[in-house]
Protein backbone atom coordinates (compact mmCIF):
# COMPACT_ATOMS: atom_id res chain seq x y z
CA MET A 1 10.89 30.87 18.98
CA PHE A 2 8.39 29.08 21.26
CA GLU A 3 8.13 30.61 24.79
CA GLY A 4 6.32 28.05 27.02
CA ASP A 5 6.19 30.35 30.17
CA GLY A 6 2.85 31.75 29.90
CA GLN A 7 3.48 34.52 32.64
CA LYS A 8 7.02 35.35 30.59
CA LEU A 9 4.79 35.95 27.75
CA LEU A 10 2.04 38.22 29.68
CA ASN A 11 4.57 40.23 31.37
CA GLU A 12 6.09 41.41 27.77
CA LEU A 13 2.84 42.02 26.55
CA GLU A 14 1.75 44.38 29.43
CA GLU A 15 4.87 46.00 29.88
CA LYS A 16 4.73 46.86 25.75
CA LYS A 17 1.26 47.76 26.06
CA LEU A 18 0.03 45.50 23.59
CA THR A 19 -2.65 43.27 25.01
CA ARG A 20 -5.44 45.33 23.09
CA LEU A 21 -3.65 44.50 20.00
CA PHE A 22 -2.72 41.11 20.62
CA ASP A 23 -6.55 40.52 21.49
CA PHE A 24 -6.99 41.84 17.82
CA ASN A 25 -8.64 45.03 19.07
CA GLY A 26 -10.67 43.52 21.60
CA ALA A 27 -12.44 40.89 19.38
CA TYR A 28 -11.24 37.81 21.11
CA GLY A 29 -9.88 37.23 24.51
CA TYR A 30 -6.26 35.84 23.77
CA THR A 31 -5.12 37.74 26.85
CA GLN A 32 -7.62 36.26 29.20
CA MET A 33 -6.81 32.87 27.68
CA LEU A 34 -3.24 33.52 28.46
CA ARG A 35 -3.90 34.61 32.04
CA ASP A 36 -6.17 31.53 32.71
CA GLN A 37 -3.56 29.05 31.29
CA ILE A 38 -0.92 30.75 33.54
CA ALA A 39 -3.52 29.97 36.75
CA GLY A 40 -4.22 26.22 35.48
CA LYS A 41 -7.42 26.90 34.04
CA ASN A 42 -6.59 25.80 30.61
CA ASN A 43 -3.45 23.86 29.00
CA SER A 44 -3.61 26.19 26.02
CA TRP A 45 0.07 25.54 23.93
CA ALA A 46 -1.83 27.50 21.10
CA VAL A 47 -2.49 30.86 23.24
CA ARG A 48 1.83 30.63 23.78
CA TRP A 49 2.57 29.99 20.25
CA TYR A 50 0.35 32.86 19.21
CA ALA A 51 1.97 35.00 21.90
CA SER A 52 5.57 33.96 21.30
CA ALA A 53 4.86 34.75 17.59
CA PHE A 54 3.14 38.03 18.17
CA LEU A 55 5.72 39.32 20.43
CA ARG A 56 8.37 38.79 17.88
CA GLU A 57 6.39 39.88 15.04
CA ARG A 58 5.92 36.65 13.25
CA LEU A 59 3.09 35.77 11.11
CA THR A 60 1.44 32.25 11.22
CA LEU A 61 0.72 30.75 7.56
CA TYR A 62 -2.90 29.25 7.68
CA PRO A 63 -3.67 27.39 4.36
CA GLY A 64 -6.80 28.74 2.16
CA ILE A 65 -7.89 25.00 2.78
CA SER A 66 -7.81 23.29 5.87
CA LEU A 67 -5.47 20.18 6.41
CA ILE A 68 -7.04 19.14 9.65
CA CYS A 69 -10.50 18.62 11.06
CA ASN A 70 -10.97 19.92 14.51
CA ILE A 71 -12.30 17.14 16.71
CA GLY A 72 -12.21 19.28 19.80
CA LEU A 73 -15.82 20.99 19.61
CA ASP A 74 -17.87 17.94 19.53
CA GLY A 75 -18.80 18.34 23.28
CA THR A 76 -16.05 16.04 24.47
CA GLY A 77 -13.33 18.35 24.64
CA THR A 78 -11.81 19.72 28.15
CA HIS A 79 -12.23 23.15 27.28
CA CYS A 80 -14.93 23.68 24.85
CA GLY A 81 -18.74 22.70 24.43
CA THR A 82 -20.16 21.90 21.11
CA SER A 83 -19.71 24.17 17.92
CA ALA A 84 -19.71 23.73 14.35
CA ALA A 85 -17.98 26.99 13.79
CA PHE A 86 -14.90 25.20 12.65
CA ASP A 87 -16.31 22.59 10.65
CA VAL A 88 -14.64 22.99 7.19
CA LYS A 89 -13.93 21.18 4.09
CA ILE A 90 -10.29 19.19 4.25
CA ALA A 91 -7.97 19.62 1.33
CA GLN A 92 -8.02 16.26 -0.53
CA GLU A 93 -4.64 16.88 -2.30
CA PRO A 94 -1.38 18.33 -0.78
CA ILE A 95 -0.82 21.92 -0.56
CA SER A 96 2.59 23.13 -1.84
CA VAL A 97 4.51 25.81 -0.22
CA ARG A 98 6.82 28.00 -1.54
CA PRO A 99 8.60 30.97 -0.23
CA ILE A 100 6.32 34.38 -0.50
CA ASP A 101 7.05 37.97 0.59
CA ILE A 102 5.27 38.30 4.26
CA ILE A 103 2.90 41.44 4.10
CA GLU A 104 0.21 41.52 6.88
CA LYS A 105 -2.68 43.15 5.14
CA LEU A 106 -4.71 45.51 7.78
CA GLU A 107 -8.03 44.42 5.83
CA VAL A 108 -7.59 40.86 6.35
CA ARG A 109 -6.74 41.68 10.09
CA LYS A 110 -10.12 43.53 10.32
CA ALA A 111 -11.71 40.53 8.44
CA ILE A 112 -10.26 38.44 11.24
CA GLU A 113 -11.39 40.62 13.98
CA ASP A 114 -15.03 40.72 12.37
CA TYR A 115 -14.85 37.13 12.31
CA PHE A 116 -13.97 36.76 16.10
CA ARG A 117 -16.88 39.15 16.80
CA PHE A 118 -19.14 36.89 14.93
CA LEU A 119 -18.09 33.74 16.89
CA LYS A 120 -18.23 35.73 20.37
CA PRO A 121 -21.98 34.85 21.44
CA SER A 122 -24.48 37.15 22.88
CA LEU A 123 -24.79 37.48 26.70
CA GLU A 124 -28.17 35.37 26.16
CA ARG A 125 -26.48 32.50 24.30
CA ARG A 126 -23.61 32.47 26.80
CA ILE A 127 -26.29 32.20 29.82
CA LEU A 128 -27.97 29.17 28.13
CA ARG A 129 -24.89 27.62 27.29
CA SER A 130 -23.93 27.87 31.04
CA ILE A 131 -27.50 26.84 32.19
CA LYS A 132 -26.96 23.70 29.69
CA ASN A 133 -23.60 22.93 30.94
CA TYR A 134 -24.51 23.09 34.18
CA LEU A 135 -27.64 20.73 33.73
CA ASN A 136 -25.56 18.24 31.76
CA ASN A 137 -22.60 18.01 34.71
CA LEU A 138 -25.56 17.77 37.19
CA ILE A 139 -27.11 15.01 35.25
CA LYS A 140 -23.98 13.19 35.11
CA LYS A 141 -23.26 13.29 38.91
CA LEU A 142 -26.71 11.95 39.60
CA LYS A 143 -26.27 9.11 37.49
């Protein structure tokens, strides 16, 4: 199911006029992330996974309790700065998985859109983050 060619995925999204829906009604810039992956600005497998599943009308099951710790937002990551947005409790016990009927609930999709909008920083915060990153990079170069 996974399509590793980002250009093929983008072409299909655009041909089917699905980019806005793919972006959770504009709440998150997945299409731009895919364009950036194609241009070599990021190496995201995750956006290609999401696009592959989305185009085949598949859903991804995310457990209610995280099984992993996202360590890529501590400021040392390649594509992200520092953020506590994904700091969550990790499951202490195994999670059982059993077959279930799969139904996408629109109210849940709306909640995800709202969450993505919440994560999107204001223009002021983005400018401050850019200045901070610029200064940090400048300091590193001067050392």
